[in-house]
PDB file of N, CA and C in Angstrom:
ATOM      1  N   ILE A   1      57.259 181.361  14.362  1.00  0.00           N
ATOM      2  CA  ILE A   1      57.566 180.302  15.302  1.00  0.00           C
ATOM      3  C   ILE A   1      58.642 180.804  16.247  1.00  0.00           C
ATOM      4  N   ASP A   2      58.365 180.695  17.551  1.00  0.00           N
ATOM      5  CA  ASP A   2      59.319 181.112  18.560  1.00  0.00           C
ATOM      6  C   ASP A   2      60.379 180.047  18.807  1.00  0.00           C
ATOM      7  N   PHE A   3      59.981 178.787  18.703  1.00  0.00           N
ATOM      8  CA  PHE A   3      60.872 177.683  19.021  1.00  0.00           C
ATOM      9  C   PHE A   3      60.372 176.436  18.323  1.00  0.00           C
ATOM     10  N   GLU A   4      61.284 175.661  17.782  1.00  0.00           N
ATOM     11  CA  GLU A   4      60.929 174.358  17.258  1.00  0.00           C
ATOM     12  C   GLU A   4      62.139 173.457  17.351  1.00  0.00           C
ATOM     13  N   TYR A   5      61.875 172.179  17.544  1.00  0.00           N
ATOM     14  CA  TYR A   5      62.944 171.201  17.684  1.00  0.00           C
ATOM     15  C   TYR A   5      62.425 169.860  17.182  1.00  0.00           C
ATOM     16  N   SER A   6      63.287 169.106  16.537  1.00  0.00           N
ATOM     17  CA  SER A   6      62.928 167.785  16.067  1.00  0.00           C
ATOM     18  C   SER A   6      64.151 166.891  16.139  1.00  0.00           C
ATOM     19  N   THR A   7      63.939 165.676  16.564  1.00  0.00           N
ATOM     20  CA  THR A   7      65.012 164.685  16.571  1.00  0.00           C
ATOM     21  C   THR A   7      64.409 163.339  16.207  1.00  0.00           C
ATOM     22  N   GLU A   8      65.227 162.473  15.670  1.00  0.00           N
ATOM     23  CA  GLU A   8      64.730 161.140  15.350  1.00  0.00           C
ATOM     24  C   GLU A   8      65.810 160.115  15.613  1.00  0.00           C
ATOM     25  N   THR A   9      65.356 158.912  15.908  1.00  0.00           N
ATOM     26  CA  THR A   9      66.256 157.796  16.154  1.00  0.00           C
ATOM     27  C   THR A   9      65.527 156.511  15.801  1.00  0.00           C
ATOM     28  N   THR A  10      66.278 155.450  15.648  1.00  0.00           N
ATOM     29  CA  THR A  10      65.681 154.139  15.440  1.00  0.00           C
ATOM     30  C   THR A  10      65.960 153.301  16.676  1.00  0.00           C
ATOM     31  N   ILE A  11      64.909 152.682  17.202  1.00  0.00           N
ATOM     32  CA  ILE A  11      64.991 151.903  18.431  1.00  0.00           C
ATOM     33  C   ILE A  11      64.619 150.458  18.122  1.00  0.00           C
ATOM     34  N   ASN A  12      65.350 149.538  18.721  1.00  0.00           N
ATOM     35  CA  ASN A  12      65.103 148.113  18.498  1.00  0.00           C
ATOM     36  C   ASN A  12      63.939 147.660  19.368  1.00  0.00           C
ATOM     37  N   ALA A  13      62.752 148.070  18.997  1.00  0.00           N
ATOM     38  CA  ALA A  13      61.507 147.712  19.692  1.00  0.00           C
ATOM     39  C   ALA A  13      60.365 147.953  18.721  1.00  0.00           C
ATOM     40  N   SER A  14      59.219 147.410  19.028  1.00  0.00           N
ATOM     41  CA  SER A  14      58.052 147.588  18.153  1.00  0.00           C
ATOM     42  C   SER A  14      57.453 148.985  18.344  1.00  0.00           C
ATOM     43  N   PRO A  15      56.745 149.498  17.330  1.00  0.00           N
ATOM     44  CA  PRO A  15      56.052 150.774  17.494  1.00  0.00           C
ATOM     45  C   PRO A  15      55.109 150.761  18.703  1.00  0.00           C
ATOM     46  N   GLN A  16      54.424 149.638  18.932  1.00  0.00           N
ATOM     47  CA  GLN A  16      53.486 149.566  20.061  1.00  0.00           C
ATOM     48  C   GLN A  16      54.207 149.666  21.401  1.00  0.00           C
ATOM     49  N   ALA A  17      55.361 149.018  21.534  1.00  0.00           N
ATOM     50  CA  ALA A  17      56.117 149.084  22.788  1.00  0.00           C
ATOM     51  C   ALA A  17      56.542 150.522  23.079  1.00  0.00           C
ATOM     52  N   ILE A  18      56.974 151.235  22.059  1.00  0.00           N
ATOM     53  CA  ILE A  18      57.395 152.626  22.244  1.00  0.00           C
ATOM     54  C   ILE A  18      56.179 153.505  22.519  1.00  0.00           C
ATOM     55  N   PHE A  19      55.104 153.302  21.768  1.00  0.00           N
ATOM     56  CA  PHE A  19      53.879 154.076  21.997  1.00  0.00           C
ATOM     57  C   PHE A  19      53.396 153.904  23.438  1.00  0.00           C
ATOM     58  N   ASP A  20      53.446 152.686  23.951  1.00  0.00           N
ATOM     59  CA  ASP A  20      52.981 152.433  25.312  1.00  0.00           C
ATOM     60  C   ASP A  20      53.789 153.215  26.344  1.00  0.00           C
ATOM     61  N   ILE A  21      55.047 153.468  26.070  1.00  0.00           N
ATOM     62  CA  ILE A  21      55.880 154.261  26.981  1.00  0.00           C
ATOM     63  C   ILE A  21      55.585 155.748  26.837  1.00  0.00           C
ATOM     64  N   VAL A  22      55.619 156.286  25.610  1.00  0.00           N
ATOM     65  CA  VAL A  22      55.472 157.737  25.429  1.00  0.00           C
ATOM     66  C   VAL A  22      54.059 158.233  25.696  1.00  0.00           C
ATOM     67  N   SER A  23      53.072 157.345  25.603  1.00  0.00           N
ATOM     68  CA  SER A  23      51.692 157.767  25.850  1.00  0.00           C
ATOM     69  C   SER A  23      51.268 157.568  27.304  1.00  0.00           C
ATOM     70  N   ASN A  24      52.194 157.177  28.156  1.00  0.00           N
ATOM     71  CA  ASN A  24      51.915 156.963  29.570  1.00  0.00           C
ATOM     72  C   ASN A  24      52.378 158.184  30.361  1.00  0.00           C
ATOM     73  N   PRO A  25      51.468 159.070  30.789  1.00  0.00           N
ATOM     74  CA  PRO A  25      51.880 160.277  31.506  1.00  0.00           C
ATOM     75  C   PRO A  25      52.757 160.003  32.728  1.00  0.00           C
ATOM     76  N   ALA A  26      52.572 158.868  33.379  1.00  0.00           N
ATOM     77  CA  ALA A  26      53.383 158.543  34.555  1.00  0.00           C
ATOM     78  C   ALA A  26      54.863 158.422  34.212  1.00  0.00           C
ATOM     79  N   ARG A  27      55.197 158.198  32.947  1.00  0.00           N
ATOM     80  CA  ARG A  27      56.599 158.063  32.507  1.00  0.00           C
ATOM     81  C   ARG A  27      57.216 159.382  32.057  1.00  0.00           C
ATOM     82  N   HIS A  28      56.427 160.460  31.942  1.00  0.00           N
ATOM     83  CA  HIS A  28      56.927 161.699  31.358  1.00  0.00           C
ATOM     84  C   HIS A  28      58.051 162.357  32.153  1.00  0.00           C
ATOM     85  N   ALA A  29      58.004 162.324  33.481  1.00  0.00           N
ATOM     86  CA  ALA A  29      59.103 162.906  34.268  1.00  0.00           C
ATOM     87  C   ALA A  29      60.394 162.153  33.981  1.00  0.00           C
ATOM     88  N   GLU A  30      60.305 160.840  33.870  1.00  0.00           N
ATOM     89  CA  GLU A  30      61.461 160.012  33.552  1.00  0.00           C
ATOM     90  C   GLU A  30      61.962 160.292  32.131  1.00  0.00           C
ATOM     91  N   LEU A  31      61.046 160.444  31.179  1.00  0.00           N
ATOM     92  CA  LEU A  31      61.427 160.682  29.784  1.00  0.00           C
ATOM     93  C   LEU A  31      62.060 162.052  29.586  1.00  0.00           C
ATOM     94  N   ALA A  32      61.622 163.042  30.357  1.00  0.00           N
ATOM     95  CA  ALA A  32      62.170 164.393  30.207  1.00  0.00           C
ATOM     96  C   ALA A  32      63.665 164.387  30.464  1.00  0.00           C
ATOM     97  N   GLY A  33      64.114 163.599  31.439  1.00  0.00           N
ATOM     98  CA  GLY A  33      65.537 163.421  31.674  1.00  0.00           C
ATOM     99  C   GLY A  33      66.288 164.634  32.162  1.00  0.00           C
ATOM    100  N   SER A  34      65.617 165.747  32.389  1.00  0.00           N
ATOM    101  CA  SER A  34      66.311 166.977  32.765  1.00  0.00           C
ATOM    102  C   SER A  34      66.007 167.405  34.192  1.00  0.00           C
ATOM    103  N   ASP A  35      65.249 166.595  34.904  1.00  0.00           N
ATOM    104  CA  ASP A  35      64.845 166.893  36.278  1.00  0.00           C
ATOM    105  C   ASP A  35      64.011 168.161  36.389  1.00  0.00           C
ATOM    106  N   GLU A  36      63.445 168.640  35.284  1.00  0.00           N
ATOM    107  CA  GLU A  36      62.605 169.840  35.355  1.00  0.00           C
ATOM    108  C   GLU A  36      61.160 169.515  35.712  1.00  0.00           C
ATOM    109  N   LEU A  37      60.775 168.249  35.605  1.00  0.00           N
ATOM    110  CA  LEU A  37      59.423 167.842  35.990  1.00  0.00           C
ATOM    111  C   LEU A  37      59.469 167.196  37.364  1.00  0.00           C
ATOM    112  N   ASN A  38      58.768 167.794  38.321  1.00  0.00           N
ATOM    113  CA  ASN A  38      58.732 167.233  39.676  1.00  0.00           C
ATOM    114  C   ASN A  38      57.739 166.093  39.778  1.00  0.00           C
ATOM    115  N   SER A  39      56.554 166.284  39.215  1.00  0.00           N
ATOM    116  CA  SER A  39      55.526 165.252  39.276  1.00  0.00           C
ATOM    117  C   SER A  39      54.555 165.424  38.121  1.00  0.00           C
ATOM    118  N   ILE A  40      53.877 164.340  37.799  1.00  0.00           N
ATOM    119  CA  ILE A  40      52.893 164.319  36.719  1.00  0.00           C
ATOM    120  C   ILE A  40      51.629 163.676  37.268  1.00  0.00           C
ATOM    121  N   ARG A  41      50.478 164.260  36.966  1.00  0.00           N
ATOM    122  CA  ARG A  41      49.220 163.582  37.247  1.00  0.00           C
ATOM    123  C   ARG A  41      48.342 163.696  36.015  1.00  0.00           C
ATOM    124  N   GLN A  42      47.365 162.855  35.974  1.00  0.00           N
ATOM    125  CA  GLN A  42      46.482 162.747  34.811  1.00  0.00           C
ATOM    126  C   GLN A  42      45.047 162.963  35.260  1.00  0.00           C
ATOM    127  N   ALA A  43      44.276 163.662  34.437  1.00  0.00           N
ATOM    128  CA  ALA A  43      42.854 163.860  34.742  1.00  0.00           C
ATOM    129  C   ALA A  43      42.052 163.721  33.451  1.00  0.00           C
ATOM    130  N   PRO A  44      41.023 162.914  33.418  1.00  0.00           N
ATOM    131  CA  PRO A  44      40.633 162.010  34.496  1.00  0.00           C
ATOM    132  C   PRO A  44      41.579 160.824  34.545  1.00  0.00           C
ATOM    133  N   SER A  45      41.560 160.094  35.671  1.00  0.00           N
ATOM    134  CA  SER A  45      42.379 158.891  35.771  1.00  0.00           C
ATOM    135  C   SER A  45      41.787 157.838  34.839  1.00  0.00           C
ATOM    136  N   GLY A  46      42.551 156.801  34.595  1.00  0.00           N
ATOM    137  CA  GLY A  46      42.087 155.744  33.693  1.00  0.00           C
ATOM    138  C   GLY A  46      42.851 155.769  32.393  1.00  0.00           C
ATOM    139  N   ALA A  47      42.229 155.277  31.353  1.00  0.00           N
ATOM    140  CA  ALA A  47      42.874 155.194  30.048  1.00  0.00           C
ATOM    141  C   ALA A  47      43.119 156.590  29.481  1.00  0.00           C
ATOM    142  N   VAL A  48      44.289 156.775  28.884  1.00  0.00           N
ATOM    143  CA  VAL A  48      44.619 158.037  28.213  1.00  0.00           C
ATOM    144  C   VAL A  48      43.929 158.033  26.852  1.00  0.00           C
ATOM    145  N   GLU A  49      43.373 159.175  26.488  1.00  0.00           N
ATOM    146  CA  GLU A  49      42.710 159.337  25.191  1.00  0.00           C
ATOM    147  C   GLU A  49      42.743 160.808  24.832  1.00  0.00           C
ATOM    148  N   VAL A  50      42.271 161.144  23.629  1.00  0.00           N
ATOM    149  CA  VAL A  50      42.162 162.545  23.235  1.00  0.00           C
ATOM    150  C   VAL A  50      41.295 163.253  24.280  1.00  0.00           C
ATOM    151  N   GLY A  51      41.783 164.379  24.778  1.00  0.00           N
ATOM    152  CA  GLY A  51      41.070 165.136  25.795  1.00  0.00           C
ATOM    153  C   GLY A  51      41.588 164.916  27.205  1.00  0.00           C
ATOM    154  N   THR A  52      42.407 163.885  27.412  1.00  0.00           N
ATOM    155  CA  THR A  52      43.008 163.653  28.726  1.00  0.00           C
ATOM    156  C   THR A  52      43.937 164.812  29.062  1.00  0.00           C
ATOM    157  N   HIS A  53      43.900 165.279  30.303  1.00  0.00           N
ATOM    158  CA  HIS A  53      44.796 166.337  30.766  1.00  0.00           C
ATOM    159  C   HIS A  53      46.006 165.724  31.460  1.00  0.00           C
ATOM    160  N   ILE A  54      47.168 166.272  31.153  1.00  0.00           N
ATOM    161  CA  ILE A  54      48.421 165.889  31.792  1.00  0.00           C
ATOM    162  C   ILE A  54      48.891 167.120  32.556  1.00  0.00           C
ATOM    163  N   ILE A  55      48.929 167.015  33.881  1.00  0.00           N
ATOM    164  CA  ILE A  55      49.288 168.168  34.718  1.00  0.00           C
ATOM    165  C   ILE A  55      50.688 167.932  35.268  1.00  0.00           C
ATOM    166  N   ALA A  56      51.600 168.823  34.912  1.00  0.00           N
ATOM    167  CA  ALA A  56      53.004 168.678  35.302  1.00  0.00           C
ATOM    168  C   ALA A  56      53.402 169.786  36.258  1.00  0.00           C
ATOM    169  N   GLU A  57      53.966 169.394  37.395  1.00  0.00           N
ATOM    170  CA  GLU A  57      54.571 170.343  38.326  1.00  0.00           C
ATOM    171  C   GLU A  57      56.024 170.484  37.889  1.00  0.00           C
ATOM    172  N   GLU A  58      56.406 171.716  37.502  1.00  0.00           N
ATOM    173  CA  GLU A  58      57.733 171.930  36.940  1.00  0.00           C
ATOM    174  C   GLU A  58      58.594 172.808  37.832  1.00  0.00           C
ATOM    175  N   THR A  59      59.907 172.552  37.772  1.00  0.00           N
ATOM    176  CA  THR A  59      60.844 173.402  38.507  1.00  0.00           C
ATOM    177  C   THR A  59      61.144 174.671  37.734  1.00  0.00           C
ATOM    178  N   VAL A  60      60.983 174.628  36.413  1.00  0.00           N
ATOM    179  CA  VAL A  60      61.217 175.807  35.580  1.00  0.00           C
ATOM    180  C   VAL A  60      60.154 176.839  35.941  1.00  0.00           C
ATOM    181  N   LYS A  61      60.552 177.945  36.445  1.00  0.00           N
ATOM    182  CA  LYS A  61      59.646 179.031  36.844  1.00  0.00           C
ATOM    183  C   LYS A  61      58.632 178.582  37.894  1.00  0.00           C
ATOM    184  N   ARG A  62      58.851 177.405  38.490  1.00  0.00           N
ATOM    185  CA  ARG A  62      57.962 176.867  39.536  1.00  0.00           C
ATOM    186  C   ARG A  62      56.493 177.017  39.145  1.00  0.00           C
ATOM    187  N   LEU A  63      56.126 176.334  38.104  1.00  0.00           N
ATOM    188  CA  LEU A  63      54.758 176.443  37.607  1.00  0.00           C
ATOM    189  C   LEU A  63      54.122 175.082  37.418  1.00  0.00           C
ATOM    190  N   THR A  64      52.828 175.120  37.239  1.00  0.00           N
ATOM    191  CA  THR A  64      52.068 173.927  36.905  1.00  0.00           C
ATOM    192  C   THR A  64      51.603 174.074  35.465  1.00  0.00           C
ATOM    193  N   ALA A  65      51.981 173.119  34.638  1.00  0.00           N
ATOM    194  CA  ALA A  65      51.592 173.140  33.232  1.00  0.00           C
ATOM    195  C   ALA A  65      50.464 172.136  33.018  1.00  0.00           C
ATOM    196  N   ASP A  66      49.367 172.602  32.474  1.00  0.00           N
ATOM    197  CA  ASP A  66      48.229 171.747  32.156  1.00  0.00           C
ATOM    198  C   ASP A  66      48.224 171.526  30.655  1.00  0.00           C
ATOM    199  N   SER A  67      48.398 170.281  30.254  1.00  0.00           N
ATOM    200  CA  SER A  67      48.415 169.939  28.837  1.00  0.00           C
ATOM    201  C   SER A  67      47.220 169.065  28.524  1.00  0.00           C
ATOM    202  N   VAL A  68      46.827 169.055  27.258  1.00  0.00           N
ATOM    203  CA  VAL A  68      45.701 168.216  26.840  1.00  0.00           C
ATOM    204  C   VAL A  68      46.141 167.370  25.637  1.00  0.00           C
ATOM    205  N   VAL A  69      45.821 166.090  25.689  1.00  0.00           N
ATOM    206  CA  VAL A  69      46.156 165.166  24.608  1.00  0.00           C
ATOM    207  C   VAL A  69      45.278 165.494  23.401  1.00  0.00           C
ATOM    208  N   VAL A  70      45.926 165.691  22.236  1.00  0.00           N
ATOM    209  CA  VAL A  70      45.186 166.028  21.019  1.00  0.00           C
ATOM    210  C   VAL A  70      45.299 164.947  19.942  1.00  0.00           C
ATOM    211  N   THR A  71      46.268 164.036  20.084  1.00  0.00           N
ATOM    212  CA  THR A  71      46.399 162.912  19.161  1.00  0.00           C
ATOM    213  C   THR A  71      46.721 161.663  19.966  1.00  0.00           C
ATOM    214  N   TYR A  72      45.914 160.642  19.778  1.00  0.00           N
ATOM    215  CA  TYR A  72      46.153 159.341  20.398  1.00  0.00           C
ATOM    216  C   TYR A  72      45.846 158.312  19.327  1.00  0.00           C
ATOM    217  N   ASP A  73      46.863 157.983  18.535  1.00  0.00           N
ATOM    218  CA  ASP A  73      46.714 157.086  17.395  1.00  0.00           C
ATOM    219  C   ASP A  73      47.690 155.923  17.562  1.00  0.00           C
ATOM    220  N   SER A  74      47.296 154.954  18.376  1.00  0.00           N
ATOM    221  CA  SER A  74      48.164 153.824  18.697  1.00  0.00           C
ATOM    222  C   SER A  74      48.351 152.929  17.480  1.00  0.00           C
ATOM    223  N   PRO A  75      49.553 152.519  17.163  1.00  0.00           N
ATOM    224  CA  PRO A  75      50.854 152.812  17.752  1.00  0.00           C
ATOM    225  C   PRO A  75      51.644 153.860  16.968  1.00  0.00           C
ATOM    226  N   ASN A  76      50.943 154.735  16.259  1.00  0.00           N
ATOM    227  CA  ASN A  76      51.609 155.630  15.310  1.00  0.00           C
ATOM    228  C   ASN A  76      52.018 156.989  15.852  1.00  0.00           C
ATOM    229  N   SER A  77      51.157 157.641  16.631  1.00  0.00           N
ATOM    230  CA  SER A  77      51.501 158.986  17.092  1.00  0.00           C
ATOM    231  C   SER A  77      50.766 159.348  18.378  1.00  0.00           C
ATOM    232  N   PHE A  78      51.431 160.198  19.142  1.00  0.00           N
ATOM    233  CA  PHE A  78      50.902 160.708  20.404  1.00  0.00           C
ATOM    234  C   PHE A  78      51.318 162.164  20.492  1.00  0.00           C
ATOM    235  N   SER A  79      50.359 163.058  20.790  1.00  0.00           N
ATOM    236  CA  SER A  79      50.661 164.492  20.807  1.00  0.00           C
ATOM    237  C   SER A  79      49.812 165.187  21.860  1.00  0.00           C
ATOM    238  N   TRP A  80      50.377 166.247  22.437  1.00  0.00           N
ATOM    239  CA  TRP A  80      49.625 167.057  23.395  1.00  0.00           C
ATOM    240  C   TRP A  80      50.002 168.517  23.237  1.00  0.00           C
ATOM    241  N   ILE A  81      49.069 169.381  23.620  1.00  0.00           N
ATOM    242  CA  ILE A  81      49.273 170.827  23.574  1.00  0.00           C
ATOM    243  C   ILE A  81      49.338 171.332  25.004  1.00  0.00           C
ATOM    244  N   VAL A  82      50.331 172.166  25.270  1.00  0.00           N
ATOM    245  CA  VAL A  82      50.492 172.765  26.595  1.00  0.00           C
ATOM    246  C   VAL A  82      49.629 174.016  26.665  1.00  0.00           C
ATOM    247  N   ASN A  83      48.766 174.079  27.678  1.00  0.00           N
ATOM    248  CA  ASN A  83      47.995 175.297  27.923  1.00  0.00           C
ATOM    249  C   ASN A  83      48.926 176.276  28.624  1.00  0.00           C
ATOM    250  N   PRO A  84      49.207 177.422  28.023  1.00  0.00           N
ATOM    251  CA  PRO A  84      50.221 178.329  28.576  1.00  0.00           C
ATOM    252  C   PRO A  84      49.922 178.726  30.020  1.00  0.00           C
ATOM    253  N   ALA A  85      50.914 178.497  30.889  1.00  0.00           N
ATOM    254  CA  ALA A  85      50.809 178.884  32.291  1.00  0.00           C
ATOM    255  C   ALA A  85      51.378 180.282  32.503  1.00  0.00           C
ATOM    256  N   LEU A  86      52.038 180.810  31.477  1.00  0.00           N
ATOM    257  CA  LEU A  86      52.681 182.115  31.610  1.00  0.00           C
ATOM    258  C   LEU A  86      52.008 183.175  30.748  1.00  0.00           C
ATOM    259  N   GLY A  87      50.764 182.966  30.418  1.00  0.00           N
ATOM    260  CA  GLY A  87      50.020 183.974  29.655  1.00  0.00           C
ATOM    261  C   GLY A  87      50.608 184.257  28.298  1.00  0.00           C
ATOM    262  N   GLU A  88      50.724 185.519  27.989  1.00  0.00           N
ATOM    263  CA  GLU A  88      51.182 185.945  26.663  1.00  0.00           C
ATOM    264  C   GLU A  88      52.672 185.730  26.437  1.00  0.00           C
ATOM    265  N   GLN A  89      53.424 185.407  27.489  1.00  0.00           N
ATOM    266  CA  GLN A  89      54.864 185.228  27.317  1.00  0.00           C
ATOM    267  C   GLN A  89      55.189 184.017  26.451  1.00  0.00           C
ATOM    268  N   ILE A  90      54.348 182.989  26.529  1.00  0.00           N
ATOM    269  CA  ILE A  90      54.586 181.776  25.748  1.00  0.00           C
ATOM    270  C   ILE A  90      53.335 181.456  24.958  1.00  0.00           C
ATOM    271  N   ARG A  91      53.534 181.218  23.683  1.00  0.00           N
ATOM    272  CA  ARG A  91      52.396 180.869  22.830  1.00  0.00           C
ATOM    273  C   ARG A  91      52.160 179.370  22.860  1.00  0.00           C
ATOM    274  N   ARG A  92      51.386 178.893  21.934  1.00  0.00           N
ATOM    275  CA  ARG A  92      51.029 177.476  21.840  1.00  0.00           C
ATOM    276  C   ARG A  92      52.283 176.615  21.690  1.00  0.00           C
ATOM    277  N   ILE A  93      52.342 175.562  22.508  1.00  0.00           N
ATOM    278  CA  ILE A  93      53.434 174.595  22.429  1.00  0.00           C
ATOM    279  C   ILE A  93      52.800 173.228  22.222  1.00  0.00           C
ATOM    280  N   GLN A  94      53.259 172.525  21.199  1.00  0.00           N
ATOM    281  CA  GLN A  94      52.747 171.181  20.941  1.00  0.00           C
ATOM    282  C   GLN A  94      53.923 170.217  20.849  1.00  0.00           C
ATOM    283  N   TRP A  95      53.775 169.061  21.493  1.00  0.00           N
ATOM    284  CA  TRP A  95      54.768 167.993  21.488  1.00  0.00           C
ATOM    285  C   TRP A  95      54.202 166.807  20.699  1.00  0.00           C
ATOM    286  N   TRP A  96      55.056 166.136  19.929  1.00  0.00           N
ATOM    287  CA  TRP A  96      54.657 164.955  19.157  1.00  0.00           C
ATOM    288  C   TRP A  96      55.667 163.838  19.354  1.00  0.00           C
ATOM    289  N   PHE A  97      55.177 162.629  19.352  1.00  0.00           N
ATOM    290  CA  PHE A  97      55.983 161.429  19.150  1.00  0.00           C
ATOM    291  C   PHE A  97      55.330 160.716  17.983  1.00  0.00           C
ATOM    292  N   ARG A  98      56.131 160.405  16.959  1.00  0.00           N
ATOM    293  CA  ARG A  98      55.625 159.661  15.796  1.00  0.00           C
ATOM    294  C   ARG A  98      56.480 158.416  15.622  1.00  0.00           C
ATOM    295  N   MET A  99      55.836 157.274  15.485  1.00  0.00           N
ATOM    296  CA  MET A  99      56.528 156.006  15.362  1.00  0.00           C
ATOM    297  C   MET A  99      56.182 155.333  14.040  1.00  0.00           C
ATOM    298  N   SER A 100      57.194 154.733  13.403  1.00  0.00           N
ATOM    299  CA  SER A 100      56.953 153.957  12.187  1.00  0.00           C
ATOM    300  C   SER A 100      57.966 152.819  12.127  1.00  0.00           C
ATOM    301  N   SER A 101      57.502 151.684  11.633  1.00  0.00           N
ATOM    302  CA  SER A 101      58.388 150.521  11.507  1.00  0.00           C
ATOM    303  C   SER A 101      59.507 150.839  10.543  1.00  0.00           C
ATOM    304  N   GLN A 102      60.703 150.406  10.919  1.00  0.00           N
ATOM    305  CA  GLN A 102      61.853 150.586  10.032  1.00  0.00           C
ATOM    306  C   GLN A 102      62.797 149.411  10.261  1.00  0.00           C
ATOM    307  N   GLY A 103      62.918 148.566   9.239  1.00  0.00           N
ATOM    308  CA  GLY A 103      63.743 147.365   9.387  1.00  0.00           C
ATOM    309  C   GLY A 103      63.185 146.514  10.515  1.00  0.00           C
ATOM    310  N   GLY A 104      64.036 146.130  11.438  1.00  0.00           N
ATOM    311  CA  GLY A 104      63.602 145.325  12.569  1.00  0.00           C
ATOM    312  C   GLY A 104      63.242 146.157  13.780  1.00  0.00           C
ATOM    313  N   GLY A 105      63.221 147.491  13.629  1.00  0.00           N
ATOM    314  CA  GLY A 105      62.938 148.363  14.764  1.00  0.00           C
ATOM    315  C   GLY A 105      61.887 149.397  14.446  1.00  0.00           C
ATOM    316  N   THR A 106      61.975 150.502  15.156  1.00  0.00           N
ATOM    317  CA  THR A 106      61.003 151.584  14.989  1.00  0.00           C
ATOM    318  C   THR A 106      61.723 152.918  14.883  1.00  0.00           C
ATOM    319  N   LYS A 107      61.380 153.673  13.861  1.00  0.00           N
ATOM    320  CA  LYS A 107      61.854 155.041  13.751  1.00  0.00           C
ATOM    321  C   LYS A 107      60.955 155.899  14.625  1.00  0.00           C
ATOM    322  N   VAL A 108      61.554 156.659  15.530  1.00  0.00           N
ATOM    323  CA  VAL A 108      60.820 157.537  16.431  1.00  0.00           C
ATOM    324  C   VAL A 108      61.209 158.970  16.110  1.00  0.00           C
ATOM    325  N   VAL A 109      60.222 159.796  15.813  1.00  0.00           N
ATOM    326  CA  VAL A 109      60.443 161.224  15.591  1.00  0.00           C
ATOM    327  C   VAL A 109      59.794 161.942  16.767  1.00  0.00           C
ATOM    328  N   HIS A 110      60.579 162.784  17.438  1.00  0.00           N
ATOM    329  CA  HIS A 110      60.088 163.575  18.574  1.00  0.00           C
ATOM    330  C   HIS A 110      60.217 165.040  18.182  1.00  0.00           C
ATOM    331  N   GLU A 111      59.080 165.770  18.249  1.00  0.00           N
ATOM    332  CA  GLU A 111      59.072 167.165  17.815  1.00  0.00           C
ATOM    333  C   GLU A 111      58.396 168.068  18.853  1.00  0.00           C
ATOM    334  N   VAL A 112      58.863 169.305  18.878  1.00  0.00           N
ATOM    335  CA  VAL A 112      58.215 170.361  19.664  1.00  0.00           C
ATOM    336  C   VAL A 112      57.918 171.469  18.683  1.00  0.00           C
TER     337      VAL A 112
END
């Protein structure tokens, strides 16, 4: 493994409310919070599902990253794999959001 990261928090919201945010590609530039994503588009347009492509224009190395949704399990988990834009320099990268009820809120685990 070249890189891995995991963080978790509990949010005072339902798993479905959080899933609706993290599974919406239009929100990904906002969620990244680092200003490294210039724009996001989705192909095909319409409902997100397994196989949907998320195309991100990034400031990092000025590249376009094409990702494909591999898990769409509302309201439990959402995951996508980045198709490497830099060839052999970067291997497979997968992002996950996992949600589970905890007390009156939702435990959210975010992993790369």
